[in-house]
N, C-alpha and C. Protein backbone atom coordinates (compact mmCIF):
# COMPACT_ATOMS: atom_id res chain seq x y z
N MET A 1 -51.01 3.41 -126.09
CA MET A 1 -50.49 3.74 -124.78
C MET A 1 -49.54 2.68 -124.28
N ALA A 2 -49.95 1.41 -124.43
CA ALA A 2 -49.15 0.30 -123.93
C ALA A 2 -47.82 0.14 -124.67
N GLU A 3 -47.73 0.71 -125.88
CA GLU A 3 -46.51 0.65 -126.66
C GLU A 3 -45.54 1.78 -126.29
N GLY A 4 -46.04 2.74 -125.50
CA GLY A 4 -45.20 3.83 -125.09
C GLY A 4 -45.10 4.97 -126.07
N SER A 5 -45.92 4.93 -127.13
CA SER A 5 -45.87 6.02 -128.11
C SER A 5 -46.72 7.20 -127.67
N LEU A 6 -47.55 7.03 -126.66
CA LEU A 6 -48.32 8.12 -126.10
C LEU A 6 -47.88 8.31 -124.65
N SER A 7 -47.92 9.55 -124.21
CA SER A 7 -47.50 9.87 -122.84
C SER A 7 -48.60 10.63 -122.14
N ALA A 8 -48.51 10.64 -120.82
CA ALA A 8 -49.44 11.44 -120.04
C ALA A 8 -49.36 12.88 -120.50
N GLY A 9 -50.53 13.50 -120.69
CA GLY A 9 -50.58 14.89 -121.18
C GLY A 9 -50.80 15.01 -122.66
N ASP A 10 -50.56 13.93 -123.43
CA ASP A 10 -50.75 13.97 -124.88
C ASP A 10 -52.23 14.12 -125.24
N PHE A 11 -52.48 14.87 -126.32
CA PHE A 11 -53.83 14.98 -126.85
C PHE A 11 -54.00 13.92 -127.93
N LEU A 12 -55.23 13.43 -128.06
CA LEU A 12 -55.57 12.43 -129.06
C LEU A 12 -56.36 13.09 -130.16
N SER A 13 -55.94 12.87 -131.38
CA SER A 13 -56.61 13.44 -132.53
C SER A 13 -57.64 12.41 -133.03
N LEU A 14 -58.93 12.76 -132.90
CA LEU A 14 -59.98 11.87 -133.38
C LEU A 14 -59.81 11.63 -134.88
N ALA A 15 -59.51 12.69 -135.61
CA ALA A 15 -59.38 12.57 -137.07
C ALA A 15 -58.20 11.67 -137.44
N GLN A 16 -57.08 11.80 -136.74
CA GLN A 16 -55.91 10.98 -137.03
C GLN A 16 -56.17 9.50 -136.68
N ILE A 17 -56.81 9.26 -135.57
CA ILE A 17 -57.14 7.90 -135.15
C ILE A 17 -58.08 7.28 -136.19
N ALA A 18 -59.10 8.06 -136.61
CA ALA A 18 -60.04 7.58 -137.63
C ALA A 18 -59.33 7.24 -138.93
N ARG A 19 -58.40 8.11 -139.36
CA ARG A 19 -57.64 7.84 -140.57
C ARG A 19 -56.78 6.58 -140.41
N ASP A 20 -56.12 6.47 -139.29
CA ASP A 20 -55.24 5.31 -139.04
C ASP A 20 -56.03 4.01 -139.04
N LEU A 21 -57.24 4.02 -138.52
CA LEU A 21 -58.05 2.80 -138.44
C LEU A 21 -58.98 2.63 -139.64
N GLY A 22 -59.09 3.67 -140.44
CA GLY A 22 -59.94 3.59 -141.64
C GLY A 22 -61.42 3.54 -141.32
N ILE A 23 -61.82 4.23 -140.25
CA ILE A 23 -63.24 4.30 -139.86
C ILE A 23 -63.65 5.74 -139.60
N SER A 24 -64.94 5.95 -139.41
CA SER A 24 -65.39 7.33 -139.19
C SER A 24 -65.04 7.78 -137.76
N VAL A 25 -65.17 9.07 -137.53
CA VAL A 25 -64.85 9.66 -136.25
C VAL A 25 -65.85 9.26 -135.16
N THR A 26 -67.09 8.98 -135.55
CA THR A 26 -68.13 8.70 -134.57
C THR A 26 -67.79 7.53 -133.65
N PRO A 27 -67.39 6.33 -134.16
CA PRO A 27 -67.07 5.26 -133.23
C PRO A 27 -65.82 5.57 -132.40
N ILE A 28 -64.91 6.38 -132.91
CA ILE A 28 -63.73 6.78 -132.16
C ILE A 28 -64.16 7.65 -130.98
N ARG A 29 -65.05 8.60 -131.25
CA ARG A 29 -65.55 9.47 -130.19
C ARG A 29 -66.27 8.66 -129.12
N GLU A 30 -67.08 7.68 -129.56
CA GLU A 30 -67.80 6.83 -128.59
C GLU A 30 -66.82 6.02 -127.74
N ALA A 31 -65.77 5.47 -128.38
CA ALA A 31 -64.78 4.70 -127.64
C ALA A 31 -64.03 5.57 -126.64
N LEU A 32 -63.66 6.77 -127.06
CA LEU A 32 -62.95 7.68 -126.16
C LEU A 32 -63.85 8.13 -125.02
N THR A 33 -65.13 8.27 -125.26
CA THR A 33 -66.08 8.61 -124.21
C THR A 33 -66.12 7.48 -123.17
N GLN A 34 -66.10 6.24 -123.63
CA GLN A 34 -66.07 5.09 -122.70
C GLN A 34 -64.75 5.08 -121.94
N LEU A 35 -63.65 5.39 -122.60
CA LEU A 35 -62.37 5.46 -121.91
C LEU A 35 -62.36 6.60 -120.87
N GLU A 36 -63.10 7.65 -121.18
CA GLU A 36 -63.19 8.76 -120.24
C GLU A 36 -63.95 8.31 -118.99
N GLN A 37 -65.00 7.53 -119.17
CA GLN A 37 -65.75 7.03 -118.01
C GLN A 37 -64.88 6.14 -117.13
N ALA A 38 -63.91 5.45 -117.73
CA ALA A 38 -62.97 4.61 -116.99
C ALA A 38 -61.77 5.43 -116.48
N GLN A 39 -61.78 6.72 -116.72
CA GLN A 39 -60.73 7.64 -116.33
C GLN A 39 -59.37 7.34 -116.94
N ILE A 40 -59.40 6.77 -118.15
CA ILE A 40 -58.17 6.50 -118.87
C ILE A 40 -57.79 7.70 -119.72
N VAL A 41 -58.78 8.41 -120.22
CA VAL A 41 -58.57 9.68 -120.92
C VAL A 41 -59.53 10.71 -120.30
N CYS A 42 -59.31 11.97 -120.60
CA CYS A 42 -60.22 13.01 -120.16
C CYS A 42 -60.53 13.93 -121.34
N SER A 43 -61.72 14.50 -121.31
CA SER A 43 -62.06 15.41 -122.38
C SER A 43 -61.72 16.82 -121.94
N VAL A 44 -61.25 17.60 -122.90
CA VAL A 44 -60.88 18.99 -122.65
C VAL A 44 -61.73 19.81 -123.61
N PRO A 45 -62.59 20.71 -123.10
CA PRO A 45 -63.45 21.48 -123.96
C PRO A 45 -62.66 22.19 -125.06
N ASN A 46 -63.17 22.08 -126.26
CA ASN A 46 -62.61 22.71 -127.47
C ASN A 46 -61.21 22.17 -127.85
N ARG A 47 -60.78 21.10 -127.20
CA ARG A 47 -59.45 20.54 -127.53
C ARG A 47 -59.55 19.05 -127.86
N GLY A 48 -60.57 18.37 -127.36
CA GLY A 48 -60.69 16.95 -127.61
C GLY A 48 -60.38 16.11 -126.41
N PHE A 49 -59.72 14.99 -126.61
CA PHE A 49 -59.39 14.08 -125.51
C PHE A 49 -57.90 14.09 -125.24
N GLN A 50 -57.59 13.89 -123.97
CA GLN A 50 -56.20 13.94 -123.54
C GLN A 50 -55.94 12.80 -122.57
N ILE A 51 -54.73 12.29 -122.61
CA ILE A 51 -54.31 11.32 -121.62
C ILE A 51 -54.01 12.15 -120.37
N PRO A 52 -54.63 11.82 -119.24
CA PRO A 52 -54.44 12.65 -118.04
C PRO A 52 -52.97 12.76 -117.63
N THR A 53 -52.60 13.91 -117.11
CA THR A 53 -51.26 14.06 -116.58
C THR A 53 -51.13 13.27 -115.29
N LEU A 54 -49.88 12.94 -114.95
CA LEU A 54 -49.64 12.18 -113.75
C LEU A 54 -49.82 13.06 -112.50
N ASN A 55 -50.37 12.47 -111.49
CA ASN A 55 -50.63 13.19 -110.24
C ASN A 55 -50.16 12.27 -109.11
N SER A 56 -49.09 12.65 -108.44
CA SER A 56 -48.50 11.79 -107.42
C SER A 56 -49.48 11.46 -106.28
N ARG A 57 -50.49 12.30 -106.08
CA ARG A 57 -51.49 12.00 -105.04
C ARG A 57 -52.38 10.83 -105.43
N GLU A 58 -52.39 10.50 -106.74
CA GLU A 58 -53.24 9.39 -107.21
C GLU A 58 -52.59 8.04 -106.91
N ILE A 59 -51.27 7.97 -106.79
CA ILE A 59 -50.58 6.73 -106.61
C ILE A 59 -51.07 5.99 -105.34
N PRO A 60 -51.12 6.63 -104.18
CA PRO A 60 -51.59 5.88 -103.00
C PRO A 60 -53.06 5.53 -103.05
N GLN A 61 -53.77 6.06 -104.01
CA GLN A 61 -55.18 5.68 -104.19
C GLN A 61 -55.33 4.51 -105.14
N LEU A 62 -54.58 4.53 -106.24
CA LEU A 62 -54.74 3.50 -107.27
C LEU A 62 -54.13 2.14 -106.89
N TYR A 63 -52.92 2.14 -106.40
CA TYR A 63 -52.20 0.90 -106.19
C TYR A 63 -52.86 -0.04 -105.15
N PRO A 64 -53.34 0.48 -104.03
CA PRO A 64 -54.01 -0.44 -103.09
C PRO A 64 -55.28 -1.06 -103.70
N ILE A 65 -55.97 -0.32 -104.54
CA ILE A 65 -57.17 -0.85 -105.18
C ILE A 65 -56.80 -1.97 -106.14
N VAL A 66 -55.77 -1.75 -106.95
CA VAL A 66 -55.34 -2.79 -107.88
C VAL A 66 -54.86 -4.02 -107.11
N ALA A 67 -54.11 -3.82 -106.05
CA ALA A 67 -53.62 -4.95 -105.24
C ALA A 67 -54.79 -5.75 -104.66
N ALA A 68 -55.80 -5.06 -104.15
CA ALA A 68 -56.95 -5.75 -103.55
C ALA A 68 -57.76 -6.47 -104.62
N LEU A 69 -58.00 -5.81 -105.75
CA LEU A 69 -58.81 -6.45 -106.81
C LEU A 69 -58.07 -7.66 -107.40
N GLU A 70 -56.77 -7.55 -107.58
CA GLU A 70 -56.03 -8.68 -108.12
C GLU A 70 -56.07 -9.85 -107.12
N GLY A 71 -55.96 -9.52 -105.83
CA GLY A 71 -56.11 -10.57 -104.80
C GLY A 71 -57.48 -11.23 -104.86
N LEU A 72 -58.51 -10.44 -105.01
CA LEU A 72 -59.87 -10.97 -105.12
C LEU A 72 -60.00 -11.89 -106.34
N ALA A 73 -59.44 -11.45 -107.45
CA ALA A 73 -59.51 -12.26 -108.68
C ALA A 73 -58.74 -13.56 -108.48
N MET A 74 -57.61 -13.51 -107.78
CA MET A 74 -56.82 -14.70 -107.52
C MET A 74 -57.58 -15.70 -106.63
N GLU A 75 -58.32 -15.18 -105.68
CA GLU A 75 -59.13 -16.05 -104.82
C GLU A 75 -60.17 -16.82 -105.62
N GLN A 76 -60.57 -16.27 -106.75
CA GLN A 76 -61.61 -16.88 -107.58
C GLN A 76 -61.04 -17.63 -108.78
N THR A 77 -59.74 -17.96 -108.69
CA THR A 77 -59.07 -18.66 -109.79
C THR A 77 -58.52 -19.97 -109.27
N ALA A 78 -58.70 -21.04 -110.06
CA ALA A 78 -58.10 -22.33 -109.75
C ALA A 78 -56.79 -22.43 -110.53
N TYR A 79 -55.70 -22.58 -109.80
CA TYR A 79 -54.37 -22.61 -110.43
C TYR A 79 -53.93 -24.05 -110.67
N GLY A 80 -53.91 -24.41 -111.92
CA GLY A 80 -53.45 -25.74 -112.35
C GLY A 80 -52.18 -25.63 -113.14
N SER A 81 -51.78 -26.73 -113.73
CA SER A 81 -50.50 -26.78 -114.45
C SER A 81 -50.46 -25.84 -115.65
N VAL A 82 -51.56 -25.64 -116.33
CA VAL A 82 -51.56 -24.75 -117.50
C VAL A 82 -51.27 -23.31 -117.08
N ILE A 83 -51.92 -22.84 -116.08
CA ILE A 83 -51.71 -21.45 -115.63
C ILE A 83 -50.27 -21.32 -115.07
N LEU A 84 -49.84 -22.28 -114.32
CA LEU A 84 -48.51 -22.21 -113.74
C LEU A 84 -47.44 -22.19 -114.83
N HIS A 85 -47.65 -22.95 -115.88
CA HIS A 85 -46.72 -22.93 -117.01
C HIS A 85 -46.73 -21.55 -117.67
N GLN A 86 -47.91 -20.98 -117.86
CA GLN A 86 -48.02 -19.66 -118.45
C GLN A 86 -47.31 -18.60 -117.59
N LEU A 87 -47.47 -18.73 -116.26
CA LEU A 87 -46.80 -17.79 -115.38
C LEU A 87 -45.28 -17.91 -115.47
N ARG A 88 -44.79 -19.11 -115.57
CA ARG A 88 -43.33 -19.32 -115.72
C ARG A 88 -42.83 -18.67 -117.01
N GLU A 89 -43.61 -18.84 -118.09
CA GLU A 89 -43.21 -18.23 -119.37
C GLU A 89 -43.25 -16.70 -119.29
N LYS A 90 -44.27 -16.17 -118.65
CA LYS A 90 -44.37 -14.71 -118.50
C LYS A 90 -43.21 -14.20 -117.63
N GLN A 91 -42.84 -14.98 -116.63
CA GLN A 91 -41.74 -14.61 -115.75
C GLN A 91 -40.43 -14.59 -116.52
N LYS A 92 -40.21 -15.55 -117.38
CA LYS A 92 -38.99 -15.58 -118.21
C LYS A 92 -38.92 -14.32 -119.07
N ALA A 93 -40.02 -13.97 -119.69
CA ALA A 93 -40.06 -12.76 -120.53
C ALA A 93 -39.77 -11.52 -119.70
N PHE A 94 -40.30 -11.49 -118.49
CA PHE A 94 -40.09 -10.36 -117.58
C PHE A 94 -38.59 -10.20 -117.26
N VAL A 95 -37.96 -11.30 -116.89
CA VAL A 95 -36.54 -11.29 -116.53
C VAL A 95 -35.69 -10.90 -117.75
N GLN A 96 -36.08 -11.32 -118.93
CA GLN A 96 -35.30 -11.05 -120.14
C GLN A 96 -35.58 -9.69 -120.75
N SER A 97 -36.53 -8.96 -120.25
CA SER A 97 -36.85 -7.64 -120.83
C SER A 97 -35.67 -6.71 -120.68
N ARG A 98 -35.50 -5.84 -121.67
CA ARG A 98 -34.32 -4.98 -121.69
C ARG A 98 -34.66 -3.48 -121.70
N THR A 99 -35.84 -3.12 -122.12
CA THR A 99 -36.23 -1.71 -122.15
C THR A 99 -37.35 -1.46 -121.15
N PRO A 100 -37.53 -0.22 -120.72
CA PRO A 100 -38.62 0.07 -119.79
C PRO A 100 -40.00 -0.37 -120.31
N ILE A 101 -40.26 -0.16 -121.60
CA ILE A 101 -41.56 -0.56 -122.16
C ILE A 101 -41.70 -2.08 -122.11
N GLU A 102 -40.66 -2.81 -122.54
CA GLU A 102 -40.71 -4.28 -122.48
C GLU A 102 -40.92 -4.75 -121.05
N ARG A 103 -40.24 -4.11 -120.11
CA ARG A 103 -40.30 -4.52 -118.70
C ARG A 103 -41.74 -4.33 -118.19
N ILE A 104 -42.32 -3.20 -118.44
CA ILE A 104 -43.68 -2.94 -117.96
C ILE A 104 -44.67 -3.86 -118.64
N GLN A 105 -44.55 -4.01 -119.95
CA GLN A 105 -45.47 -4.91 -120.66
C GLN A 105 -45.34 -6.34 -120.13
N SER A 106 -44.12 -6.79 -119.88
CA SER A 106 -43.91 -8.15 -119.34
C SER A 106 -44.49 -8.27 -117.95
N ASP A 107 -44.33 -7.23 -117.14
CA ASP A 107 -44.90 -7.25 -115.80
C ASP A 107 -46.42 -7.31 -115.85
N MET A 108 -47.00 -6.48 -116.70
CA MET A 108 -48.45 -6.48 -116.83
C MET A 108 -48.94 -7.81 -117.38
N ASN A 109 -48.21 -8.41 -118.32
CA ASN A 109 -48.57 -9.73 -118.84
C ASN A 109 -48.55 -10.80 -117.76
N PHE A 110 -47.56 -10.72 -116.88
CA PHE A 110 -47.49 -11.66 -115.75
C PHE A 110 -48.72 -11.51 -114.88
N HIS A 111 -49.05 -10.28 -114.54
CA HIS A 111 -50.20 -10.02 -113.66
C HIS A 111 -51.51 -10.39 -114.35
N ASP A 112 -51.60 -10.18 -115.65
CA ASP A 112 -52.79 -10.60 -116.38
C ASP A 112 -52.95 -12.11 -116.35
N ALA A 113 -51.83 -12.83 -116.47
CA ALA A 113 -51.88 -14.30 -116.43
C ALA A 113 -52.36 -14.79 -115.08
N LEU A 114 -52.05 -14.05 -114.03
CA LEU A 114 -52.52 -14.45 -112.69
C LEU A 114 -54.04 -14.47 -112.57
N THR A 115 -54.67 -13.60 -113.32
CA THR A 115 -56.11 -13.40 -113.15
C THR A 115 -56.96 -13.80 -114.35
N GLN A 116 -56.33 -14.21 -115.44
CA GLN A 116 -57.08 -14.41 -116.68
C GLN A 116 -58.18 -15.43 -116.59
N TYR A 117 -58.07 -16.39 -115.69
CA TYR A 117 -59.09 -17.44 -115.58
C TYR A 117 -60.07 -17.19 -114.45
N CYS A 118 -60.04 -16.00 -113.90
CA CYS A 118 -61.05 -15.62 -112.89
C CYS A 118 -62.37 -15.47 -113.62
N GLY A 119 -63.43 -15.97 -113.03
CA GLY A 119 -64.74 -15.91 -113.68
C GLY A 119 -65.52 -14.64 -113.42
N ASN A 120 -64.95 -13.72 -112.65
CA ASN A 120 -65.64 -12.49 -112.30
C ASN A 120 -65.28 -11.40 -113.32
N ASP A 121 -66.10 -11.27 -114.35
CA ASP A 121 -65.83 -10.31 -115.42
C ASP A 121 -65.81 -8.86 -114.94
N THR A 122 -66.62 -8.54 -113.94
CA THR A 122 -66.66 -7.18 -113.42
C THR A 122 -65.34 -6.81 -112.78
N VAL A 123 -64.81 -7.68 -111.95
CA VAL A 123 -63.52 -7.44 -111.31
C VAL A 123 -62.44 -7.28 -112.37
N LEU A 124 -62.45 -8.17 -113.35
CA LEU A 124 -61.43 -8.13 -114.39
C LEU A 124 -61.49 -6.84 -115.21
N GLN A 125 -62.69 -6.37 -115.52
CA GLN A 125 -62.83 -5.12 -116.30
C GLN A 125 -62.33 -3.92 -115.50
N ILE A 126 -62.70 -3.84 -114.24
CA ILE A 126 -62.24 -2.71 -113.41
C ILE A 126 -60.73 -2.78 -113.27
N LEU A 127 -60.21 -3.98 -113.06
CA LEU A 127 -58.78 -4.17 -112.91
C LEU A 127 -58.05 -3.74 -114.19
N ASP A 128 -58.56 -4.14 -115.34
CA ASP A 128 -57.94 -3.76 -116.62
C ASP A 128 -57.92 -2.23 -116.79
N ASP A 129 -59.03 -1.60 -116.48
CA ASP A 129 -59.09 -0.14 -116.61
C ASP A 129 -58.07 0.54 -115.70
N LEU A 130 -57.96 0.06 -114.46
CA LEU A 130 -57.00 0.66 -113.54
C LEU A 130 -55.56 0.42 -113.97
N LYS A 131 -55.30 -0.76 -114.53
CA LYS A 131 -53.93 -1.07 -114.97
C LYS A 131 -53.51 -0.20 -116.15
N VAL A 132 -54.44 0.20 -116.97
CA VAL A 132 -54.10 1.11 -118.07
C VAL A 132 -53.61 2.44 -117.48
N ARG A 133 -54.29 2.93 -116.46
CA ARG A 133 -53.90 4.18 -115.82
C ARG A 133 -52.56 4.02 -115.12
N ILE A 134 -52.37 2.89 -114.44
CA ILE A 134 -51.13 2.63 -113.72
C ILE A 134 -49.93 2.52 -114.65
N PHE A 135 -50.17 2.12 -115.88
CA PHE A 135 -49.08 1.97 -116.84
C PHE A 135 -48.20 3.20 -116.88
N PHE A 136 -48.81 4.38 -116.90
CA PHE A 136 -48.05 5.63 -116.98
C PHE A 136 -47.21 5.88 -115.72
N TYR A 137 -47.75 5.51 -114.55
CA TYR A 137 -46.96 5.64 -113.33
C TYR A 137 -45.80 4.66 -113.31
N GLU A 138 -46.04 3.46 -113.81
CA GLU A 138 -44.97 2.44 -113.88
C GLU A 138 -43.86 2.93 -114.82
N LEU A 139 -44.24 3.47 -115.96
CA LEU A 139 -43.26 3.96 -116.92
C LEU A 139 -42.48 5.14 -116.31
N ASP A 140 -43.14 6.05 -115.67
CA ASP A 140 -42.49 7.18 -115.02
C ASP A 140 -41.53 6.69 -113.95
N PHE A 141 -41.98 5.73 -113.12
CA PHE A 141 -41.14 5.17 -112.06
C PHE A 141 -39.87 4.55 -112.67
N MET A 142 -40.05 3.77 -113.71
CA MET A 142 -38.92 3.05 -114.31
C MET A 142 -37.93 4.03 -114.97
N ARG A 143 -38.46 5.06 -115.58
CA ARG A 143 -37.57 6.03 -116.22
C ARG A 143 -36.74 6.77 -115.17
N LYS A 144 -37.33 7.00 -113.99
CA LYS A 144 -36.60 7.69 -112.93
C LYS A 144 -35.68 6.78 -112.14
N ASN A 145 -36.11 5.54 -111.91
CA ASN A 145 -35.40 4.66 -111.00
C ASN A 145 -34.73 3.44 -111.64
N GLY A 146 -34.94 3.23 -112.92
CA GLY A 146 -34.39 2.06 -113.58
C GLY A 146 -35.14 0.81 -113.21
N PHE A 147 -34.58 -0.33 -113.57
CA PHE A 147 -35.22 -1.62 -113.29
C PHE A 147 -35.09 -1.95 -111.81
N ASP A 148 -36.17 -2.39 -111.24
CA ASP A 148 -36.17 -2.84 -109.85
C ASP A 148 -36.25 -4.35 -109.87
N THR A 149 -35.23 -5.01 -109.38
CA THR A 149 -35.18 -6.48 -109.43
C THR A 149 -36.00 -7.12 -108.33
N THR A 150 -36.55 -6.34 -107.41
CA THR A 150 -37.40 -6.90 -106.35
C THR A 150 -38.57 -7.65 -106.96
N SER A 151 -39.13 -7.14 -108.04
CA SER A 151 -40.30 -7.79 -108.64
C SER A 151 -39.98 -9.15 -109.18
N GLU A 152 -38.75 -9.36 -109.64
CA GLU A 152 -38.36 -10.68 -110.14
C GLU A 152 -38.48 -11.72 -109.04
N ALA A 153 -37.97 -11.42 -107.87
CA ALA A 153 -38.03 -12.35 -106.73
C ALA A 153 -39.47 -12.51 -106.27
N GLN A 154 -40.24 -11.44 -106.30
CA GLN A 154 -41.64 -11.54 -105.88
C GLN A 154 -42.44 -12.43 -106.84
N HIS A 155 -42.20 -12.27 -108.13
CA HIS A 155 -42.91 -13.12 -109.11
C HIS A 155 -42.57 -14.60 -108.86
N GLU A 156 -41.30 -14.89 -108.60
CA GLU A 156 -40.90 -16.26 -108.31
C GLU A 156 -41.60 -16.77 -107.06
N ALA A 157 -41.70 -15.94 -106.03
CA ALA A 157 -42.37 -16.34 -104.81
C ALA A 157 -43.86 -16.59 -105.05
N ILE A 158 -44.48 -15.77 -105.86
CA ILE A 158 -45.91 -15.95 -106.19
C ILE A 158 -46.11 -17.31 -106.85
N ILE A 159 -45.29 -17.60 -107.84
CA ILE A 159 -45.40 -18.88 -108.56
C ILE A 159 -45.17 -20.04 -107.58
N ALA A 160 -44.15 -19.94 -106.73
CA ALA A 160 -43.85 -21.03 -105.78
C ALA A 160 -45.02 -21.27 -104.84
N HIS A 161 -45.62 -20.21 -104.34
CA HIS A 161 -46.79 -20.35 -103.46
C HIS A 161 -47.96 -20.97 -104.19
N LEU A 162 -48.17 -20.57 -105.43
CA LEU A 162 -49.30 -21.13 -106.21
C LEU A 162 -49.05 -22.61 -106.49
N GLU A 163 -47.80 -22.97 -106.74
CA GLU A 163 -47.49 -24.39 -106.96
C GLU A 163 -47.78 -25.23 -105.73
N GLN A 164 -47.66 -24.63 -104.56
CA GLN A 164 -47.94 -25.33 -103.30
C GLN A 164 -49.39 -25.13 -102.86
N GLN A 165 -50.19 -24.52 -103.72
CA GLN A 165 -51.61 -24.21 -103.42
C GLN A 165 -51.76 -23.33 -102.18
N GLU A 166 -50.78 -22.47 -101.97
CA GLU A 166 -50.82 -21.51 -100.86
C GLU A 166 -51.30 -20.16 -101.42
N ILE A 167 -52.60 -20.12 -101.71
CA ILE A 167 -53.19 -18.95 -102.38
C ILE A 167 -53.04 -17.70 -101.49
N ASP A 168 -53.32 -17.82 -100.21
CA ASP A 168 -53.24 -16.65 -99.32
C ASP A 168 -51.83 -16.06 -99.32
N LYS A 169 -50.80 -16.92 -99.31
CA LYS A 169 -49.43 -16.44 -99.31
C LYS A 169 -49.10 -15.80 -100.66
N ALA A 170 -49.58 -16.38 -101.76
CA ALA A 170 -49.35 -15.80 -103.06
C ALA A 170 -49.99 -14.43 -103.16
N ILE A 171 -51.23 -14.31 -102.65
CA ILE A 171 -51.93 -13.02 -102.66
C ILE A 171 -51.18 -11.99 -101.84
N ALA A 172 -50.64 -12.38 -100.71
CA ALA A 172 -49.87 -11.45 -99.88
C ALA A 172 -48.67 -10.93 -100.65
N VAL A 173 -47.98 -11.79 -101.39
CA VAL A 173 -46.83 -11.32 -102.17
C VAL A 173 -47.28 -10.42 -103.32
N VAL A 174 -48.40 -10.76 -103.95
CA VAL A 174 -48.92 -9.91 -105.02
C VAL A 174 -49.21 -8.51 -104.49
N LYS A 175 -49.84 -8.44 -103.32
CA LYS A 175 -50.13 -7.12 -102.73
C LYS A 175 -48.83 -6.36 -102.42
N GLU A 176 -47.86 -7.07 -101.87
CA GLU A 176 -46.55 -6.47 -101.59
C GLU A 176 -45.92 -5.97 -102.90
N ASN A 177 -46.05 -6.75 -103.96
CA ASN A 177 -45.50 -6.39 -105.26
C ASN A 177 -46.11 -5.10 -105.78
N TRP A 178 -47.43 -4.97 -105.71
CA TRP A 178 -48.07 -3.76 -106.19
C TRP A 178 -47.77 -2.58 -105.30
N LEU A 179 -47.69 -2.79 -104.00
CA LEU A 179 -47.56 -1.66 -103.07
C LEU A 179 -46.13 -1.18 -102.87
N GLN A 180 -45.15 -1.88 -103.45
CA GLN A 180 -43.76 -1.45 -103.24
C GLN A 180 -43.49 -0.06 -103.79
N ILE A 181 -44.26 0.38 -104.75
CA ILE A 181 -44.05 1.74 -105.31
C ILE A 181 -44.36 2.82 -104.27
N LEU A 182 -45.18 2.48 -103.27
CA LEU A 182 -45.52 3.44 -102.24
C LEU A 182 -44.34 3.69 -101.30
N ASN A 183 -43.35 2.83 -101.31
CA ASN A 183 -42.19 2.95 -100.44
C ASN A 183 -41.00 3.63 -101.10
N THR A 184 -41.22 4.15 -102.32
CA THR A 184 -40.08 4.77 -103.03
C THR A 184 -40.15 6.27 -102.99
């Protein structure tokens, strides 16, 4: 999904996945069932598993949750020189991205770096599951609207606030960054 080779609405072939990975269908079915519980895929009777189609009503539900959870994870993270260096590197990759897939992956990598040292595994797991779902909305947005350079400035502001230990201001920009899609 993250490579862009699957799209919303695509069906997943258990047999093909099993062949590609060289394992039996049973662990694939179990993994897809777990992904279904996280609402990343859905099961369709007599058809198998499918990546859910996009639903514009879901956008105002998903994005505020991701923004809030990422803010919570940031509150529980100590930002030192190592993380700040990683964020700068992720930001460079984001700015240098040239394709929609590269851009989204770089953006997600930046956001993952913001929260990777949070000690709250539950928050991180829920956040990861939601970001997988959001990936398809991000890709759809980018295909329709092209690159939005607002995020570049927001990432820079986030890093600057973190360098100054202004966590609340950084969180406010992160929330603004996630919620900007609601204004389009």
